[in-house]
Amino acid sequence: MKNITLSIDDTILQAGRDYARSHNMSFNVLVRRLIEQTVIPRKEKWLDDTFSLMDRANVSSDGIKWTREELYRV
């Protein structure tokens, strides 16, 4: 594993250390996890993206309800 040097504002560094401590991890582990989550796509990311699109669609069923059979009919 490589070591790196980062420049972080003192206020952000302290907030990060406090957050890490409150979640029973080191600041190093916190930074490593955040970078990993940002740069390595998750397999289930498509599901998050789908729900995000649904939330932004701004549509309504106008109270209409469908049965399971109706939903599966193509």
N, C-alpha and C. Protein backbone atom coordinates (compact mmCIF):
# COMPACT_ATOMS: atom_id res chain seq x y z
N MET A 1 0.85 -1.16 0.00
CA MET A 1 0.00 0.00 0.00
C MET A 1 0.90 1.24 0.00
N LYS A 2 0.56 2.21 -0.82
CA LYS A 2 1.34 3.45 -0.94
C LYS A 2 0.89 4.48 0.09
N ASN A 3 1.83 5.29 0.52
CA ASN A 3 1.53 6.44 1.37
C ASN A 3 1.42 7.66 0.48
N ILE A 4 0.48 8.55 0.81
CA ILE A 4 0.32 9.80 0.06
C ILE A 4 0.27 10.95 1.05
N THR A 5 0.48 12.15 0.55
CA THR A 5 0.39 13.35 1.36
C THR A 5 -0.74 14.20 0.84
N LEU A 6 -1.61 14.66 1.74
CA LEU A 6 -2.74 15.50 1.36
C LEU A 6 -2.66 16.81 2.13
N SER A 7 -3.16 17.86 1.52
CA SER A 7 -3.32 19.14 2.21
C SER A 7 -4.80 19.33 2.49
N ILE A 8 -5.13 19.44 3.78
CA ILE A 8 -6.53 19.56 4.19
C ILE A 8 -6.65 20.71 5.19
N ASP A 9 -7.66 21.52 5.01
CA ASP A 9 -7.95 22.61 5.95
C ASP A 9 -8.08 22.04 7.36
N ASP A 10 -7.56 22.76 8.35
CA ASP A 10 -7.58 22.29 9.74
C ASP A 10 -8.99 21.98 10.24
N THR A 11 -9.94 22.81 9.86
CA THR A 11 -11.33 22.61 10.31
C THR A 11 -11.89 21.31 9.73
N ILE A 12 -11.63 21.08 8.45
CA ILE A 12 -12.12 19.85 7.80
C ILE A 12 -11.42 18.63 8.37
N LEU A 13 -10.12 18.74 8.61
CA LEU A 13 -9.37 17.64 9.19
C LEU A 13 -9.94 17.26 10.55
N GLN A 14 -10.19 18.24 11.40
CA GLN A 14 -10.72 17.94 12.73
C GLN A 14 -12.11 17.33 12.64
N ALA A 15 -12.95 17.87 11.75
CA ALA A 15 -14.29 17.32 11.57
C ALA A 15 -14.21 15.88 11.07
N GLY A 16 -13.28 15.60 10.17
CA GLY A 16 -13.09 14.24 9.66
C GLY A 16 -12.62 13.30 10.75
N ARG A 17 -11.69 13.75 11.57
CA ARG A 17 -11.21 12.91 12.68
C ARG A 17 -12.33 12.64 13.67
N ASP A 18 -13.13 13.65 13.97
CA ASP A 18 -14.26 13.47 14.89
C ASP A 18 -15.27 12.48 14.32
N TYR A 19 -15.57 12.62 13.03
CA TYR A 19 -16.52 11.72 12.37
C TYR A 19 -15.99 10.29 12.42
N ALA A 20 -14.72 10.12 12.07
CA ALA A 20 -14.12 8.78 12.06
C ALA A 20 -14.16 8.17 13.46
N ARG A 21 -13.79 8.94 14.46
CA ARG A 21 -13.79 8.46 15.83
C ARG A 21 -15.19 8.04 16.26
N SER A 22 -16.19 8.83 15.90
CA SER A 22 -17.56 8.50 16.30
C SER A 22 -18.09 7.25 15.59
N HIS A 23 -17.41 6.86 14.50
CA HIS A 23 -17.80 5.65 13.77
C HIS A 23 -16.79 4.53 13.98
N ASN A 24 -16.00 4.66 15.04
CA ASN A 24 -15.03 3.62 15.44
C ASN A 24 -14.07 3.23 14.33
N MET A 25 -13.51 4.24 13.66
CA MET A 25 -12.50 3.98 12.63
C MET A 25 -11.46 5.08 12.68
N SER A 26 -10.35 4.83 12.05
CA SER A 26 -9.32 5.86 11.97
C SER A 26 -9.65 6.83 10.84
N PHE A 27 -9.04 7.99 10.90
CA PHE A 27 -9.22 8.96 9.82
C PHE A 27 -8.70 8.38 8.51
N ASN A 28 -7.60 7.63 8.59
CA ASN A 28 -7.03 7.00 7.40
C ASN A 28 -8.03 6.05 6.74
N VAL A 29 -8.70 5.24 7.55
CA VAL A 29 -9.70 4.31 7.01
C VAL A 29 -10.86 5.09 6.39
N LEU A 30 -11.29 6.16 7.04
CA LEU A 30 -12.36 6.99 6.50
C LEU A 30 -12.00 7.53 5.12
N VAL A 31 -10.81 8.10 4.99
CA VAL A 31 -10.39 8.67 3.71
C VAL A 31 -10.28 7.57 2.66
N ARG A 32 -9.71 6.43 3.02
CA ARG A 32 -9.57 5.32 2.08
C ARG A 32 -10.94 4.86 1.58
N ARG A 33 -11.91 4.72 2.49
CA ARG A 33 -13.26 4.29 2.09
C ARG A 33 -13.95 5.31 1.20
N LEU A 34 -13.81 6.59 1.54
CA LEU A 34 -14.44 7.63 0.72
C LEU A 34 -13.87 7.64 -0.70
N ILE A 35 -12.57 7.50 -0.81
CA ILE A 35 -11.95 7.47 -2.14
C ILE A 35 -12.41 6.23 -2.89
N GLU A 36 -12.42 5.09 -2.21
CA GLU A 36 -12.85 3.84 -2.85
C GLU A 36 -14.29 3.94 -3.35
N GLN A 37 -15.18 4.48 -2.52
CA GLN A 37 -16.59 4.61 -2.91
C GLN A 37 -16.76 5.57 -4.07
N THR A 38 -15.86 6.52 -4.20
CA THR A 38 -15.97 7.53 -5.26
C THR A 38 -15.45 7.02 -6.59
N VAL A 39 -14.37 6.25 -6.56
CA VAL A 39 -13.71 5.90 -7.83
C VAL A 39 -14.00 4.48 -8.31
N ILE A 40 -14.50 3.61 -7.45
CA ILE A 40 -14.80 2.24 -7.87
C ILE A 40 -16.31 2.07 -7.92
N PRO A 41 -16.85 1.87 -9.12
CA PRO A 41 -18.32 1.76 -9.25
C PRO A 41 -18.84 0.51 -8.54
N ARG A 42 -19.96 0.68 -7.87
CA ARG A 42 -20.60 -0.44 -7.20
C ARG A 42 -21.45 -1.20 -8.21
N LYS A 43 -21.59 -2.48 -7.99
CA LYS A 43 -22.40 -3.31 -8.88
C LYS A 43 -23.86 -2.89 -8.85
N GLU A 44 -24.33 -2.44 -7.68
CA GLU A 44 -25.74 -2.09 -7.56
C GLU A 44 -26.00 -0.61 -7.82
N LYS A 45 -25.02 0.11 -8.36
CA LYS A 45 -25.18 1.53 -8.64
C LYS A 45 -26.35 1.76 -9.59
N TRP A 46 -26.59 0.83 -10.49
CA TRP A 46 -27.69 0.98 -11.44
C TRP A 46 -29.02 1.14 -10.71
N LEU A 47 -29.17 0.46 -9.56
CA LEU A 47 -30.41 0.55 -8.81
C LEU A 47 -30.57 1.94 -8.21
N ASP A 48 -29.50 2.48 -7.64
CA ASP A 48 -29.54 3.85 -7.12
C ASP A 48 -29.87 4.84 -8.23
N ASP A 49 -29.25 4.66 -9.40
CA ASP A 49 -29.52 5.55 -10.53
C ASP A 49 -30.98 5.46 -10.98
N THR A 50 -31.53 4.25 -10.97
CA THR A 50 -32.92 4.05 -11.38
C THR A 50 -33.88 4.77 -10.44
N PHE A 51 -33.67 4.62 -9.13
CA PHE A 51 -34.53 5.30 -8.16
C PHE A 51 -34.37 6.82 -8.25
N SER A 52 -33.17 7.26 -8.52
CA SER A 52 -32.94 8.70 -8.67
C SER A 52 -33.72 9.24 -9.87
N LEU A 53 -33.70 8.51 -10.98
CA LEU A 53 -34.47 8.92 -12.16
C LEU A 53 -35.97 8.93 -11.87
N MET A 54 -36.43 7.92 -11.13
CA MET A 54 -37.84 7.85 -10.79
C MET A 54 -38.24 9.05 -9.92
N ASP A 55 -37.37 9.41 -8.98
CA ASP A 55 -37.67 10.55 -8.11
C ASP A 55 -37.74 11.86 -8.89
N ARG A 56 -36.92 11.98 -9.93
CA ARG A 56 -36.88 13.22 -10.71
C ARG A 56 -37.91 13.25 -11.83
N ALA A 57 -38.62 12.16 -12.08
CA ALA A 57 -39.55 12.08 -13.20
C ALA A 57 -40.75 13.01 -13.03
N ASN A 58 -41.12 13.30 -11.80
CA ASN A 58 -42.22 14.23 -11.52
C ASN A 58 -43.51 13.83 -12.25
N VAL A 59 -43.89 12.57 -12.06
CA VAL A 59 -45.13 12.06 -12.66
C VAL A 59 -46.02 11.50 -11.55
N SER A 60 -47.26 11.26 -11.88
CA SER A 60 -48.21 10.74 -10.91
C SER A 60 -49.09 9.69 -11.57
N SER A 61 -49.50 8.71 -10.78
CA SER A 61 -50.43 7.69 -11.29
C SER A 61 -51.86 8.16 -11.16
N ASP A 62 -52.06 9.35 -10.59
CA ASP A 62 -53.40 9.90 -10.36
C ASP A 62 -54.29 8.93 -9.59
N GLY A 63 -53.69 8.16 -8.69
CA GLY A 63 -54.45 7.25 -7.84
C GLY A 63 -54.81 5.94 -8.48
N ILE A 64 -54.43 5.74 -9.75
CA ILE A 64 -54.72 4.47 -10.43
C ILE A 64 -53.85 3.38 -9.82
N LYS A 65 -54.44 2.22 -9.53
CA LYS A 65 -53.68 1.09 -8.99
C LYS A 65 -53.74 -0.06 -9.98
N TRP A 66 -52.63 -0.78 -10.09
CA TRP A 66 -52.55 -1.91 -11.00
C TRP A 66 -52.33 -3.18 -10.21
N THR A 67 -52.78 -4.30 -10.78
CA THR A 67 -52.50 -5.60 -10.17
C THR A 67 -51.14 -6.07 -10.67
N ARG A 68 -50.59 -7.05 -9.99
CA ARG A 68 -49.29 -7.59 -10.40
C ARG A 68 -49.36 -8.11 -11.84
N GLU A 69 -50.45 -8.77 -12.18
CA GLU A 69 -50.59 -9.33 -13.53
C GLU A 69 -50.59 -8.21 -14.58
N GLU A 70 -51.26 -7.11 -14.27
CA GLU A 70 -51.29 -5.99 -15.21
C GLU A 70 -49.90 -5.39 -15.39
N LEU A 71 -49.13 -5.34 -14.34
CA LEU A 71 -47.78 -4.77 -14.44
C LEU A 71 -46.86 -5.65 -15.28
N TYR A 72 -47.06 -6.96 -15.24
CA TYR A 72 -46.19 -7.86 -15.98
C TYR A 72 -46.61 -8.01 -17.44
N ARG A 73 -47.83 -7.56 -17.79
CA ARG A 73 -48.29 -7.63 -19.17
C ARG A 73 -47.53 -6.64 -20.04
N VAL A 74 -47.03 -7.08 -21.14
CA VAL A 74 -46.28 -6.18 -22.04
C VAL A 74 -47.06 -5.91 -23.29
